[in-house]
Amino acid sequence: MTRTRLTPNRKPRRGFTLIELLVVISIIVLLMSLIAPAIQSARRTARKLQCLNSMRNIGLAMQNFSSSNNGRLPSTYAQPTVTNSAGQSGTMNLSWAIQLLPSLDNAALLKNIKNDANNYVAGPPATLSFNAADRVAVEVFTCPDHVTAFKVPGGLSYVVNSGFAQTGWGTAAFLNSPNQINWDGTGAALASNVAVSQATGVIWPAGYVSSLEYVSSGDGTSTTILLSENLQANTWDDYSYGGSGFGVKLPTPLGSGTVYPNAGAATSPPLLIDPVQAPTAINGSKINQNASTAAKGLAPRPSSLHVGGVNVIMCDGAGKFMIEGMDPKVYIQLMTSNAVAFGEQVLDQAAF
């Protein structure tokens, strides 16, 4: 008996044609071209918010520091007496960032810095120097967009408001004396002008007025910048104005009629700065945007890698985003802490 095997009537299998494959690929490419920019934009926004959050934490640390130190803010640099682990004692220059470490849950790092300090001056008074081995990465001091600083040992993206400067911005000459401005046009920075100089900033060396109460009673904490981004910031242990501060660099010599007081004047005209003579452009290339380490003092203005502007923290702790097209006169007013004492009008918050 012969058996016949029945096989199902199957249609032959058919693969993709080249045209169909190309259509699928083109659809995928189109979707990726639509989605990729949105993903990149979301990542940029997240990094920008992370940056602002870090700056808010620093601003809060400033307020906590103030509450624990009779109302004063950290100075550009302090000179406490320190005893290291070898029993050597002497003064040590501590940057504003180092002074804030305990308020940023980094008290252990401050202890290490003091213990590891080097004694490099034999005669009295001894001076202890920072040990570079303690220059670790402190993430709260850096912006994630600032790739040369973020998670880099010693990295710093943020600088404090150091007011107006003329001769010696960012140099040792300006370090101990914030009164380097020839306000009266005579060719010398006079001691009587210290109050005017300090009315242009917030953070000064130890021994000078530096408190939130001073700002509050002057131009107001909500209209005075405390902290800004700057791509030319140095390491967080740097206590120089050029490496840890920002401001308005005045021309030398000052032009007649452009600043307080006018040449030859004695008292009380408004504190006026000509932004043409003292460029203040945020992220502006005219102020050496790509300054090298050696030229940090040439770029005191705010700068960042965020699109369109920079993050700042006001003295009241509020975070703001200052756009590149901001009116330079408004920016100059935001840099002053007590210019109302010298005739300047109080700045309306709606102006920025």
C-alpha atoms as a PDB file:
ATOM      1  CA  MET A   1       0.000   0.000   0.000  1.00  0.00           C
ATOM      2  CA  THR A   2       1.416   3.327  -1.003  1.00  0.00           C
ATOM      3  CA  ARG A   3       1.019   6.258   1.392  1.00  0.00           C
ATOM      4  CA  THR A   4       0.839   9.763   0.092  1.00  0.00           C
ATOM      5  CA  ARG A   5       2.136  12.542   2.377  1.00  0.00           C
ATOM      6  CA  LEU A   6       0.091  15.657   2.190  1.00  0.00           C
ATOM      7  CA  THR A   7       2.036  18.890   2.552  1.00  0.00           C
ATOM      8  CA  PRO A   8       0.400  22.220   3.325  1.00  0.00           C
ATOM      9  CA  ASN A   9       0.181  24.670   0.534  1.00  0.00           C
ATOM     10  CA  ARG A  10       2.613  27.330   1.822  1.00  0.00           C
ATOM     11  CA  LYS A  11       3.298  30.544   0.071  1.00  0.00           C
ATOM     12  CA  PRO A  12       6.941  31.233  -0.496  1.00  0.00           C
ATOM     13  CA  ARG A  13       8.515  33.514   2.216  1.00  0.00           C
ATOM     14  CA  ARG A  14       9.172  37.029   1.053  1.00  0.00           C
ATOM     15  CA  GLY A  15      11.913  39.344   2.505  1.00  0.00           C
ATOM     16  CA  PHE A  16      12.241  43.111   2.602  1.00  0.00           C
ATOM     17  CA  THR A  17      12.909  44.833  -0.603  1.00  0.00           C
ATOM     18  CA  LEU A  18      15.663  47.383  -0.754  1.00  0.00           C
ATOM     19  CA  ILE A  19      13.134  50.188  -1.081  1.00  0.00           C
ATOM     20  CA  GLU A  20      11.256  49.061   2.043  1.00  0.00           C
ATOM     21  CA  LEU A  21      14.514  48.890   4.004  1.00  0.00           C
ATOM     22  CA  LEU A  22      15.491  52.369   2.898  1.00  0.00           C
ATOM     23  CA  VAL A  23      12.055  53.703   3.882  1.00  0.00           C
ATOM     24  CA  VAL A  24      12.400  52.217   7.385  1.00  0.00           C
ATOM     25  CA  ILE A  25      15.905  53.618   7.780  1.00  0.00           C
ATOM     26  CA  SER A  26      14.789  57.067   6.620  1.00  0.00           C
ATOM     27  CA  ILE A  27      11.914  57.024   9.129  1.00  0.00           C
ATOM     28  CA  ILE A  28      14.299  56.092  11.946  1.00  0.00           C
ATOM     29  CA  VAL A  29      16.740  58.827  10.926  1.00  0.00           C
ATOM     30  CA  LEU A  30      13.903  61.359  10.796  1.00  0.00           C
ATOM     31  CA  LEU A  31      12.705  60.389  14.269  1.00  0.00           C
ATOM     32  CA  MET A  32      16.225  60.621  15.641  1.00  0.00           C
ATOM     33  CA  SER A  33      16.705  64.046  14.082  1.00  0.00           C
ATOM     34  CA  LEU A  34      13.534  65.189  15.851  1.00  0.00           C
ATOM     35  CA  ILE A  35      14.281  63.556  19.196  1.00  0.00           C
ATOM     36  CA  ALA A  36      18.046  64.190  19.514  1.00  0.00           C
ATOM     37  CA  PRO A  37      17.808  68.014  19.813  1.00  0.00           C
ATOM     38  CA  ALA A  38      15.078  67.639  22.422  1.00  0.00           C
ATOM     39  CA  ILE A  39      17.261  65.236  24.399  1.00  0.00           C
ATOM     40  CA  GLN A  40      20.260  67.577  24.155  1.00  0.00           C
ATOM     41  CA  SER A  41      18.104  70.527  25.197  1.00  0.00           C
ATOM     42  CA  ALA A  42      16.794  68.579  28.183  1.00  0.00           C
ATOM     43  CA  ARG A  43      20.342  67.689  29.200  1.00  0.00           C
ATOM     44  CA  ARG A  44      21.469  71.316  28.875  1.00  0.00           C
ATOM     45  CA  THR A  45      18.537  72.424  31.017  1.00  0.00           C
ATOM     46  CA  ALA A  46      19.340  69.769  33.619  1.00  0.00           C
ATOM     47  CA  ARG A  47      22.997  70.866  33.777  1.00  0.00           C
ATOM     48  CA  LYS A  48      21.950  74.508  34.048  1.00  0.00           C
ATOM     49  CA  LEU A  49      19.605  73.673  36.940  1.00  0.00           C
ATOM     50  CA  GLN A  50      22.294  71.579  38.624  1.00  0.00           C
ATOM     51  CA  CYS A  51      24.631  74.565  38.340  1.00  0.00           C
ATOM     52  CA  LEU A  52      22.042  76.910  39.840  1.00  0.00           C
ATOM     53  CA  ASN A  53      21.337  74.431  42.640  1.00  0.00           C
ATOM     54  CA  SER A  54      25.046  74.320  43.532  1.00  0.00           C
ATOM     55  CA  MET A  55      25.148  78.121  43.555  1.00  0.00           C
ATOM     56  CA  ARG A  56      22.070  78.232  45.799  1.00  0.00           C
ATOM     57  CA  ASN A  57      23.822  75.885  48.221  1.00  0.00           C
ATOM     58  CA  ILE A  58      26.807  78.253  48.289  1.00  0.00           C
ATOM     59  CA  GLY A  59      24.478  81.216  48.823  1.00  0.00           C
ATOM     60  CA  LEU A  60      22.799  79.367  51.704  1.00  0.00           C
ATOM     61  CA  ALA A  61      26.233  78.535  53.134  1.00  0.00           C
ATOM     62  CA  MET A  62      27.051  82.265  52.997  1.00  0.00           C
ATOM     63  CA  GLN A  63      23.931  83.026  55.037  1.00  0.00           C
ATOM     64  CA  ASN A  64      24.707  80.252  57.540  1.00  0.00           C
ATOM     65  CA  PHE A  65      28.269  81.546  57.835  1.00  0.00           C
ATOM     66  CA  SER A  66      26.879  85.034  58.464  1.00  0.00           C
ATOM     67  CA  SER A  67      24.528  83.757  61.173  1.00  0.00           C
ATOM     68  CA  SER A  68      27.418  82.026  62.956  1.00  0.00           C
ATOM     69  CA  ASN A  69      29.853  84.954  62.687  1.00  0.00           C
ATOM     70  CA  ASN A  70      28.038  87.978  64.081  1.00  0.00           C
ATOM     71  CA  GLY A  71      26.476  88.864  60.740  1.00  0.00           C
ATOM     72  CA  ARG A  72      29.667  89.108  58.691  1.00  0.00           C
ATOM     73  CA  LEU A  73      30.195  87.336  55.395  1.00  0.00           C
ATOM     74  CA  PRO A  74      33.322  85.338  54.562  1.00  0.00           C
ATOM     75  CA  SER A  75      36.076  87.664  53.409  1.00  0.00           C
ATOM     76  CA  THR A  76      37.983  87.407  50.140  1.00  0.00           C
ATOM     77  CA  TYR A  77      40.629  85.854  52.309  1.00  0.00           C
ATOM     78  CA  ALA A  78      40.979  85.431  56.066  1.00  0.00           C
ATOM     79  CA  GLN A  79      44.244  85.077  58.001  1.00  0.00           C
ATOM     80  CA  PRO A  80      43.563  82.918  61.046  1.00  0.00           C
ATOM     81  CA  THR A  81      46.303  81.496  63.235  1.00  0.00           C
ATOM     82  CA  VAL A  82      46.728  77.825  62.392  1.00  0.00           C
ATOM     83  CA  THR A  83      48.677  74.998  64.005  1.00  0.00           C
ATOM     84  CA  ASN A  84      49.511  72.131  61.669  1.00  0.00           C
ATOM     85  CA  SER A  85      49.991  68.442  62.521  1.00  0.00           C
ATOM     86  CA  ALA A  86      53.732  69.045  62.999  1.00  0.00           C
ATOM     87  CA  GLY A  87      53.017  71.579  65.752  1.00  0.00           C
ATOM     88  CA  GLN A  88      54.034  74.589  63.625  1.00  0.00           C
ATOM     89  CA  SER A  89      51.916  77.699  64.147  1.00  0.00           C
ATOM     90  CA  GLY A  90      51.375  80.771  62.014  1.00  0.00           C
ATOM     91  CA  THR A  91      48.881  82.731  59.978  1.00  0.00           C
ATOM     92  CA  MET A  92      47.376  81.188  56.857  1.00  0.00           C
ATOM     93  CA  ASN A  93      45.482  82.802  53.976  1.00  0.00           C
ATOM     94  CA  LEU A  94      42.121  81.062  53.519  1.00  0.00           C
ATOM     95  CA  SER A  95      39.948  81.839  50.476  1.00  0.00           C
ATOM     96  CA  TRP A  96      36.233  82.538  50.808  1.00  0.00           C
ATOM     97  CA  ALA A  97      35.568  79.036  49.483  1.00  0.00           C
ATOM     98  CA  ILE A  98      37.733  77.391  52.162  1.00  0.00           C
ATOM     99  CA  GLN A  99      36.011  79.458  54.848  1.00  0.00           C
ATOM    100  CA  LEU A 100      32.643  78.072  53.691  1.00  0.00           C
ATOM    101  CA  LEU A 101      33.663  74.391  53.844  1.00  0.00           C
ATOM    102  CA  PRO A 102      32.082  73.713  57.276  1.00  0.00           C
ATOM    103  CA  SER A 103      28.814  75.250  56.062  1.00  0.00           C
ATOM    104  CA  LEU A 104      28.942  72.930  53.039  1.00  0.00           C
ATOM    105  CA  ASP A 105      29.344  69.727  55.076  1.00  0.00           C
ATOM    106  CA  ASN A 106      33.099  69.679  54.400  1.00  0.00           C
ATOM    107  CA  ALA A 107      34.498  70.454  57.842  1.00  0.00           C
ATOM    108  CA  ALA A 108      36.808  67.447  57.533  1.00  0.00           C
ATOM    109  CA  LEU A 109      38.480  68.965  54.464  1.00  0.00           C
ATOM    110  CA  LEU A 110      39.076  72.236  56.322  1.00  0.00           C
ATOM    111  CA  LYS A 111      40.646  70.259  59.171  1.00  0.00           C
ATOM    112  CA  ASN A 112      42.934  68.482  56.698  1.00  0.00           C
ATOM    113  CA  ILE A 113      43.937  71.794  55.119  1.00  0.00           C
ATOM    114  CA  LYS A 114      44.979  73.195  58.481  1.00  0.00           C
ATOM    115  CA  ASN A 115      46.748  70.000  59.530  1.00  0.00           C
ATOM    116  CA  ASP A 116      48.657  69.735  56.231  1.00  0.00           C
ATOM    117  CA  ALA A 117      49.684  73.406  56.050  1.00  0.00           C
ATOM    118  CA  ASN A 118      53.338  73.991  55.168  1.00  0.00           C
ATOM    119  CA  ASN A 119      55.589  76.322  57.153  1.00  0.00           C
ATOM    120  CA  TYR A 120      57.737  78.123  54.581  1.00  0.00           C
ATOM    121  CA  VAL A 121      58.688  81.281  56.472  1.00  0.00           C
ATOM    122  CA  ALA A 122      61.118  80.726  59.345  1.00  0.00           C
ATOM    123  CA  GLY A 123      61.090  84.127  61.015  1.00  0.00           C
ATOM    124  CA  PRO A 124      58.216  85.443  63.135  1.00  0.00           C
ATOM    125  CA  PRO A 125      55.432  85.706  62.381  1.00  0.00           C
ATOM    126  CA  ALA A 126      55.404  82.319  60.667  1.00  0.00           C
ATOM    127  CA  THR A 127      53.253  81.982  57.555  1.00  0.00           C
ATOM    128  CA  LEU A 128      51.681  78.653  56.672  1.00  0.00           C
ATOM    129  CA  SER A 129      50.902  77.839  53.037  1.00  0.00           C
ATOM    130  CA  PHE A 130      48.259  75.647  51.426  1.00  0.00           C
ATOM    131  CA  ASN A 131      49.323  72.069  50.644  1.00  0.00           C
ATOM    132  CA  ALA A 132      48.409  71.259  47.034  1.00  0.00           C
ATOM    133  CA  ALA A 133      47.701  67.658  48.058  1.00  0.00           C
ATOM    134  CA  ASP A 134      44.437  68.907  49.630  1.00  0.00           C
ATOM    135  CA  ARG A 135      43.255  70.405  46.347  1.00  0.00           C
ATOM    136  CA  VAL A 136      40.521  67.807  45.790  1.00  0.00           C
ATOM    137  CA  ALA A 137      37.375  68.041  43.664  1.00  0.00           C
ATOM    138  CA  VAL A 138      34.504  69.723  45.523  1.00  0.00           C
ATOM    139  CA  GLU A 139      31.514  69.319  43.229  1.00  0.00           C
ATOM    140  CA  VAL A 140      29.420  72.109  44.766  1.00  0.00           C
ATOM    141  CA  PHE A 141      32.030  74.668  43.613  1.00  0.00           C
ATOM    142  CA  THR A 142      31.649  73.754  39.932  1.00  0.00           C
ATOM    143  CA  CYS A 143      29.172  73.896  37.051  1.00  0.00           C
ATOM    144  CA  PRO A 144      28.701  70.627  35.073  1.00  0.00           C
ATOM    145  CA  ASP A 145      28.958  72.601  31.818  1.00  0.00           C
ATOM    146  CA  HIS A 146      32.384  73.922  32.877  1.00  0.00           C
ATOM    147  CA  VAL A 147      34.187  70.744  31.835  1.00  0.00           C
ATOM    148  CA  THR A 148      37.671  71.996  32.726  1.00  0.00           C
ATOM    149  CA  ALA A 149      36.549  72.478  36.343  1.00  0.00           C
ATOM    150  CA  PHE A 150      33.713  70.001  36.983  1.00  0.00           C
ATOM    151  CA  LYS A 151      34.914  67.090  39.129  1.00  0.00           C
ATOM    152  CA  VAL A 152      38.479  68.303  38.593  1.00  0.00           C
ATOM    153  CA  PRO A 153      40.763  68.639  41.658  1.00  0.00           C
ATOM    154  CA  GLY A 154      40.581  72.242  42.814  1.00  0.00           C
ATOM    155  CA  GLY A 155      37.979  73.143  40.168  1.00  0.00           C
ATOM    156  CA  LEU A 156      36.063  76.401  40.651  1.00  0.00           C
ATOM    157  CA  SER A 157      33.298  77.871  38.476  1.00  0.00           C
ATOM    158  CA  TYR A 158      31.901  80.530  40.816  1.00  0.00           C
ATOM    159  CA  VAL A 159      33.290  83.880  41.945  1.00  0.00           C
ATOM    160  CA  VAL A 160      32.150  86.555  44.400  1.00  0.00           C
ATOM    161  CA  ASN A 161      31.238  90.192  43.840  1.00  0.00           C
ATOM    162  CA  SER A 162      34.408  92.210  44.425  1.00  0.00           C
ATOM    163  CA  GLY A 163      33.055  95.518  43.142  1.00  0.00           C
ATOM    164  CA  PHE A 164      34.851  97.993  40.882  1.00  0.00           C
ATOM    165  CA  ALA A 165      38.599  97.953  40.371  1.00  0.00           C
ATOM    166  CA  GLN A 166      41.122  99.946  38.422  1.00  0.00           C
ATOM    167  CA  THR A 167      44.854  99.620  39.069  1.00  0.00           C
ATOM    168  CA  GLY A 168      45.950  96.104  39.881  1.00  0.00           C
ATOM    169  CA  TRP A 169      42.780  94.075  39.311  1.00  0.00           C
ATOM    170  CA  GLY A 170      43.692  90.454  39.970  1.00  0.00           C
ATOM    171  CA  THR A 171      47.201  91.242  41.218  1.00  0.00           C
ATOM    172  CA  ALA A 172      48.882  91.239  44.613  1.00  0.00           C
ATOM    173  CA  ALA A 173      48.735  95.051  44.645  1.00  0.00           C
ATOM    174  CA  PHE A 174      44.941  94.888  44.929  1.00  0.00           C
ATOM    175  CA  LEU A 175      44.895  92.003  47.391  1.00  0.00           C
ATOM    176  CA  ASN A 176      45.278  93.899  50.650  1.00  0.00           C
ATOM    177  CA  SER A 177      43.741  97.185  49.605  1.00  0.00           C
ATOM    178  CA  PRO A 178      40.418  97.322  47.738  1.00  0.00           C
ATOM    179  CA  ASN A 179      40.879 101.079  47.455  1.00  0.00           C
ATOM    180  CA  GLN A 180      42.770 101.090  44.146  1.00  0.00           C
ATOM    181  CA  ILE A 181      40.371 103.462  42.357  1.00  0.00           C
ATOM    182  CA  ASN A 182      41.352 107.017  41.554  1.00  0.00           C
ATOM    183  CA  TRP A 183      37.887 108.351  42.326  1.00  0.00           C
ATOM    184  CA  ASP A 184      38.847 112.008  42.625  1.00  0.00           C
ATOM    185  CA  GLY A 185      40.932 112.395  39.464  1.00  0.00           C
ATOM    186  CA  THR A 186      44.103 113.483  41.279  1.00  0.00           C
ATOM    187  CA  GLY A 187      46.181 110.471  40.312  1.00  0.00           C
ATOM    188  CA  ALA A 188      46.074 108.716  43.682  1.00  0.00           C
ATOM    189  CA  ALA A 189      43.604 106.449  45.468  1.00  0.00           C
ATOM    190  CA  LEU A 190      42.808 108.333  48.672  1.00  0.00           C
ATOM    191  CA  ALA A 191      41.946 106.762  52.026  1.00  0.00           C
ATOM    192  CA  SER A 192      38.827 108.935  52.159  1.00  0.00           C
ATOM    193  CA  ASN A 193      37.478 107.010  49.185  1.00  0.00           C
ATOM    194  CA  VAL A 194      37.476 103.609  50.904  1.00  0.00           C
ATOM    195  CA  ALA A 195      33.754 103.945  51.702  1.00  0.00           C
ATOM    196  CA  VAL A 196      32.997 104.679  48.058  1.00  0.00           C
ATOM    197  CA  SER A 197      35.074 101.736  46.865  1.00  0.00           C
ATOM    198  CA  GLN A 198      33.343  99.346  49.271  1.00  0.00           C
ATOM    199  CA  ALA A 199      29.960 100.606  48.127  1.00  0.00           C
ATOM    200  CA  THR A 200      30.658  98.925  44.790  1.00  0.00           C
ATOM    201  CA  GLY A 201      31.000  95.312  45.980  1.00  0.00           C
ATOM    202  CA  VAL A 202      30.084  92.753  48.628  1.00  0.00           C
ATOM    203  CA  ILE A 203      33.073  90.536  49.503  1.00  0.00           C
ATOM    204  CA  TRP A 204      36.253  92.242  50.736  1.00  0.00           C
ATOM    205  CA  PRO A 205      39.442  91.231  52.600  1.00  0.00           C
ATOM    206  CA  ALA A 206      39.222  90.673  56.357  1.00  0.00           C
ATOM    207  CA  GLY A 207      38.990  93.973  58.206  1.00  0.00           C
ATOM    208  CA  TYR A 208      36.659  95.664  55.686  1.00  0.00           C
ATOM    209  CA  VAL A 209      32.865  95.897  55.875  1.00  0.00           C
ATOM    210  CA  SER A 210      31.383  92.676  54.512  1.00  0.00           C
ATOM    211  CA  SER A 211      27.922  91.830  55.788  1.00  0.00           C
ATOM    212  CA  LEU A 212      24.398  91.222  54.540  1.00  0.00           C
ATOM    213  CA  GLU A 213      23.150  93.913  56.933  1.00  0.00           C
ATOM    214  CA  TYR A 214      25.343  96.466  55.149  1.00  0.00           C
ATOM    215  CA  VAL A 215      23.861  95.467  51.771  1.00  0.00           C
ATOM    216  CA  SER A 216      20.319  95.363  53.148  1.00  0.00           C
ATOM    217  CA  SER A 217      20.588  98.894  54.508  1.00  0.00           C
ATOM    218  CA  GLY A 218      22.090 100.093  51.216  1.00  0.00           C
ATOM    219  CA  ASP A 219      21.014  99.029  47.736  1.00  0.00           C
ATOM    220  CA  GLY A 220      19.119  95.993  49.049  1.00  0.00           C
ATOM    221  CA  THR A 221      19.882  92.265  49.082  1.00  0.00           C
ATOM    222  CA  SER A 222      17.439  91.493  46.262  1.00  0.00           C
ATOM    223  CA  THR A 223      19.149  93.904  43.839  1.00  0.00           C
ATOM    224  CA  THR A 224      22.801  93.150  44.621  1.00  0.00           C
ATOM    225  CA  ILE A 225      24.708  90.239  43.091  1.00  0.00           C
ATOM    226  CA  LEU A 226      26.614  88.035  45.533  1.00  0.00           C
ATOM    227  CA  LEU A 227      27.890  85.202  43.350  1.00  0.00           C
ATOM    228  CA  SER A 228      28.343  84.627  39.624  1.00  0.00           C
ATOM    229  CA  GLU A 229      29.802  82.128  37.189  1.00  0.00           C
ATOM    230  CA  ASN A 230      33.170  82.861  35.588  1.00  0.00           C
ATOM    231  CA  LEU A 231      35.075  80.596  33.201  1.00  0.00           C
ATOM    232  CA  GLN A 232      38.370  82.171  34.283  1.00  0.00           C
ATOM    233  CA  ALA A 233      37.945  81.301  37.960  1.00  0.00           C
ATOM    234  CA  ASN A 234      41.053  79.666  39.383  1.00  0.00           C
ATOM    235  CA  THR A 235      41.134  76.882  42.008  1.00  0.00           C
ATOM    236  CA  TRP A 236      38.936  77.089  45.115  1.00  0.00           C
ATOM    237  CA  ASP A 237      41.967  77.722  47.346  1.00  0.00           C
ATOM    238  CA  ASP A 238      42.913  80.857  45.342  1.00  0.00           C
ATOM    239  CA  TYR A 239      42.302  84.003  47.430  1.00  0.00           C
ATOM    240  CA  SER A 240      43.220  86.610  44.787  1.00  0.00           C
ATOM    241  CA  TYR A 241      40.600  88.936  43.301  1.00  0.00           C
ATOM    242  CA  GLY A 242      41.386  87.830  39.781  1.00  0.00           C
ATOM    243  CA  GLY A 243      41.040  84.142  40.569  1.00  0.00           C
ATOM    244  CA  SER A 244      38.080  84.138  42.959  1.00  0.00           C
ATOM    245  CA  GLY A 245      36.213  87.400  42.329  1.00  0.00           C
ATOM    246  CA  PHE A 246      34.471  89.309  39.553  1.00  0.00           C
ATOM    247  CA  GLY A 247      33.475  92.898  39.049  1.00  0.00           C
ATOM    248  CA  VAL A 248      33.785  95.928  36.805  1.00  0.00           C
ATOM    249  CA  LYS A 249      37.277  96.777  35.581  1.00  0.00           C
ATOM    250  CA  LEU A 250      37.594 100.531  35.221  1.00  0.00           C
ATOM    251  CA  PRO A 251      39.854 102.111  32.621  1.00  0.00           C
ATOM    252  CA  THR A 252      43.099 103.869  33.485  1.00  0.00           C
ATOM    253  CA  PRO A 253      42.937 106.793  33.611  1.00  0.00           C
ATOM    254  CA  LEU A 254      39.266 107.421  34.324  1.00  0.00           C
ATOM    255  CA  GLY A 255      37.554 109.763  31.907  1.00  0.00           C
ATOM    256  CA  SER A 256      36.245 113.051  33.246  1.00  0.00           C
ATOM    257  CA  GLY A 257      32.553 112.936  34.093  1.00  0.00           C
ATOM    258  CA  THR A 258      32.242 109.144  33.877  1.00  0.00           C
ATOM    259  CA  VAL A 259      32.590 108.109  37.506  1.00  0.00           C
ATOM    260  CA  TYR A 260      32.101 109.360  41.036  1.00  0.00           C
ATOM    261  CA  PRO A 261      33.359 111.916  41.687  1.00  0.00           C
ATOM    262  CA  ASN A 262      34.039 113.913  38.556  1.00  0.00           C
ATOM    263  CA  ALA A 263      37.633 115.062  38.163  1.00  0.00           C
ATOM    264  CA  GLY A 264      38.253 117.762  40.730  1.00  0.00           C
ATOM    265  CA  ALA A 265      34.872 117.328  42.445  1.00  0.00           C
ATOM    266  CA  ALA A 266      34.771 116.783  46.190  1.00  0.00           C
ATOM    267  CA  THR A 267      31.497 115.194  47.250  1.00  0.00           C
ATOM    268  CA  SER A 268      28.167 113.629  46.463  1.00  0.00           C
ATOM    269  CA  PRO A 269      27.441 113.323  42.735  1.00  0.00           C
ATOM    270  CA  PRO A 270      25.824 109.986  41.812  1.00  0.00           C
ATOM    271  CA  LEU A 271      28.022 106.918  41.485  1.00  0.00           C
ATOM    272  CA  LEU A 272      28.067 106.762  37.676  1.00  0.00           C
ATOM    273  CA  ILE A 273      30.136 104.488  35.447  1.00  0.00           C
ATOM    274  CA  ASP A 274      30.315 104.743  31.663  1.00  0.00           C
ATOM    275  CA  PRO A 275      29.861 101.166  30.327  1.00  0.00           C
ATOM    276  CA  VAL A 276      31.654 102.191  27.128  1.00  0.00           C
ATOM    277  CA  GLN A 277      34.821 102.848  29.117  1.00  0.00           C
ATOM    278  CA  ALA A 278      34.247  99.885  31.463  1.00  0.00           C
ATOM    279  CA  PRO A 279      32.871  97.025  29.301  1.00  0.00           C
ATOM    280  CA  THR A 280      30.583  94.678  31.200  1.00  0.00           C
ATOM    281  CA  ALA A 281      29.247  92.386  28.455  1.00  0.00           C
ATOM    282  CA  ILE A 282      28.210  89.010  29.849  1.00  0.00           C
ATOM    283  CA  ASN A 283      30.132  86.319  27.959  1.00  0.00           C
ATOM    284  CA  GLY A 284      31.575  89.161  25.893  1.00  0.00           C
ATOM    285  CA  SER A 285      34.644  88.510  23.762  1.00  0.00           C
ATOM    286  CA  LYS A 286      35.709  92.150  24.154  1.00  0.00           C
ATOM    287  CA  ILE A 287      36.721  91.359  27.735  1.00  0.00           C
ATOM    288  CA  ASN A 288      39.001  88.473  26.865  1.00  0.00           C
ATOM    289  CA  GLN A 289      36.468  85.656  27.086  1.00  0.00           C
ATOM    290  CA  ASN A 290      39.129  83.028  26.402  1.00  0.00           C
ATOM    291  CA  ALA A 291      41.665  84.374  28.857  1.00  0.00           C
ATOM    292  CA  SER A 292      44.386  81.956  29.874  1.00  0.00           C
ATOM    293  CA  THR A 293      45.325  81.260  33.475  1.00  0.00           C
ATOM    294  CA  ALA A 294      47.920  84.024  33.320  1.00  0.00           C
ATOM    295  CA  ALA A 295      45.298  86.527  32.158  1.00  0.00           C
ATOM    296  CA  LYS A 296      42.497  85.770  34.631  1.00  0.00           C
ATOM    297  CA  GLY A 297      42.579  89.299  35.986  1.00  0.00           C
ATOM    298  CA  LEU A 298      41.666  90.637  32.529  1.00  0.00           C
ATOM    299  CA  ALA A 299      38.242  88.986  32.552  1.00  0.00           C
ATOM    300  CA  PRO A 300      36.351  89.984  35.682  1.00  0.00           C
ATOM    301  CA  ARG A 301      32.908  89.876  34.031  1.00  0.00           C
ATOM    302  CA  PRO A 302      30.437  86.950  34.387  1.00  0.00           C
ATOM    303  CA  SER A 303      30.849  84.137  31.869  1.00  0.00           C
ATOM    304  CA  SER A 304      29.557  80.595  31.383  1.00  0.00           C
ATOM    305  CA  LEU A 305      28.937  77.918  28.776  1.00  0.00           C
ATOM    306  CA  HIS A 306      25.163  78.159  29.205  1.00  0.00           C
ATOM    307  CA  VAL A 307      23.317  79.358  26.130  1.00  0.00           C
ATOM    308  CA  GLY A 308      22.431  83.040  26.349  1.00  0.00           C
ATOM    309  CA  GLY A 309      23.752  84.078  29.737  1.00  0.00           C
ATOM    310  CA  VAL A 310      24.946  83.148  33.234  1.00  0.00           C
ATOM    311  CA  ASN A 311      23.529  82.047  36.562  1.00  0.00           C
ATOM    312  CA  VAL A 312      23.917  84.435  39.499  1.00  0.00           C
ATOM    313  CA  ILE A 313      22.887  84.401  43.159  1.00  0.00           C
ATOM    314  CA  MET A 314      21.633  87.599  44.744  1.00  0.00           C
ATOM    315  CA  CYS A 315      22.452  88.587  48.320  1.00  0.00           C
ATOM    316  CA  ASP A 316      18.978  87.450  49.435  1.00  0.00           C
ATOM    317  CA  GLY A 317      19.751  83.927  48.158  1.00  0.00           C
ATOM    318  CA  ALA A 318      17.549  84.137  45.058  1.00  0.00           C
ATOM    319  CA  GLY A 319      18.875  82.578  41.852  1.00  0.00           C
ATOM    320  CA  LYS A 320      18.693  84.541  38.592  1.00  0.00           C
ATOM    321  CA  PHE A 321      19.711  83.999  34.973  1.00  0.00           C
ATOM    322  CA  MET A 322      21.272  87.154  33.526  1.00  0.00           C
ATOM    323  CA  ILE A 323      20.983  87.304  29.765  1.00  0.00           C
ATOM    324  CA  GLU A 324      23.822  88.415  27.493  1.00  0.00           C
ATOM    325  CA  GLY A 325      21.792  91.339  26.214  1.00  0.00           C
ATOM    326  CA  MET A 326      21.293  92.877  29.667  1.00  0.00           C
ATOM    327  CA  ASP A 327      21.584  96.660  29.804  1.00  0.00           C
ATOM    328  CA  PRO A 328      25.181  97.263  30.992  1.00  0.00           C
ATOM    329  CA  LYS A 329      24.030 100.157  33.180  1.00  0.00           C
ATOM    330  CA  VAL A 330      21.658  97.799  34.987  1.00  0.00           C
ATOM    331  CA  TYR A 331      24.462  95.265  35.441  1.00  0.00           C
ATOM    332  CA  ILE A 332      26.702  97.978  36.908  1.00  0.00           C
ATOM    333  CA  GLN A 333      23.962  98.907  39.385  1.00  0.00           C
ATOM    334  CA  LEU A 334      23.579  95.237  40.360  1.00  0.00           C
ATOM    335  CA  MET A 335      27.289  95.229  41.279  1.00  0.00           C
ATOM    336  CA  THR A 336      26.934  98.027  43.831  1.00  0.00           C
ATOM    337  CA  SER A 337      25.996  97.315  47.441  1.00  0.00           C
ATOM    338  CA  ASN A 338      25.556 100.838  48.820  1.00  0.00           C
ATOM    339  CA  ALA A 339      25.584 103.260  45.891  1.00  0.00           C
ATOM    340  CA  VAL A 340      22.343 104.847  47.164  1.00  0.00           C
ATOM    341  CA  ALA A 341      24.533 106.541  49.787  1.00  0.00           C
ATOM    342  CA  PHE A 342      26.238 108.393  46.910  1.00  0.00           C
ATOM    343  CA  GLY A 343      23.223 109.505  44.912  1.00  0.00           C
ATOM    344  CA  GLU A 344      22.330 106.408  42.870  1.00  0.00           C
ATOM    345  CA  GLN A 345      18.636 105.562  42.541  1.00  0.00           C
ATOM    346  CA  VAL A 346      17.370 102.275  43.957  1.00  0.00           C
ATOM    347  CA  LEU A 347      17.162  99.708  41.150  1.00  0.00           C
ATOM    348  CA  ASP A 348      13.705  98.401  40.272  1.00  0.00           C
ATOM    349  CA  GLN A 349      13.593  94.565  40.246  1.00  0.00           C
ATOM    350  CA  ALA A 350      11.534  94.729  37.061  1.00  0.00           C
ATOM    351  CA  ALA A 351      14.644  96.068  35.286  1.00  0.00           C
ATOM    352  CA  PHE A 352      16.373  92.679  35.265  1.00  0.00           C
END
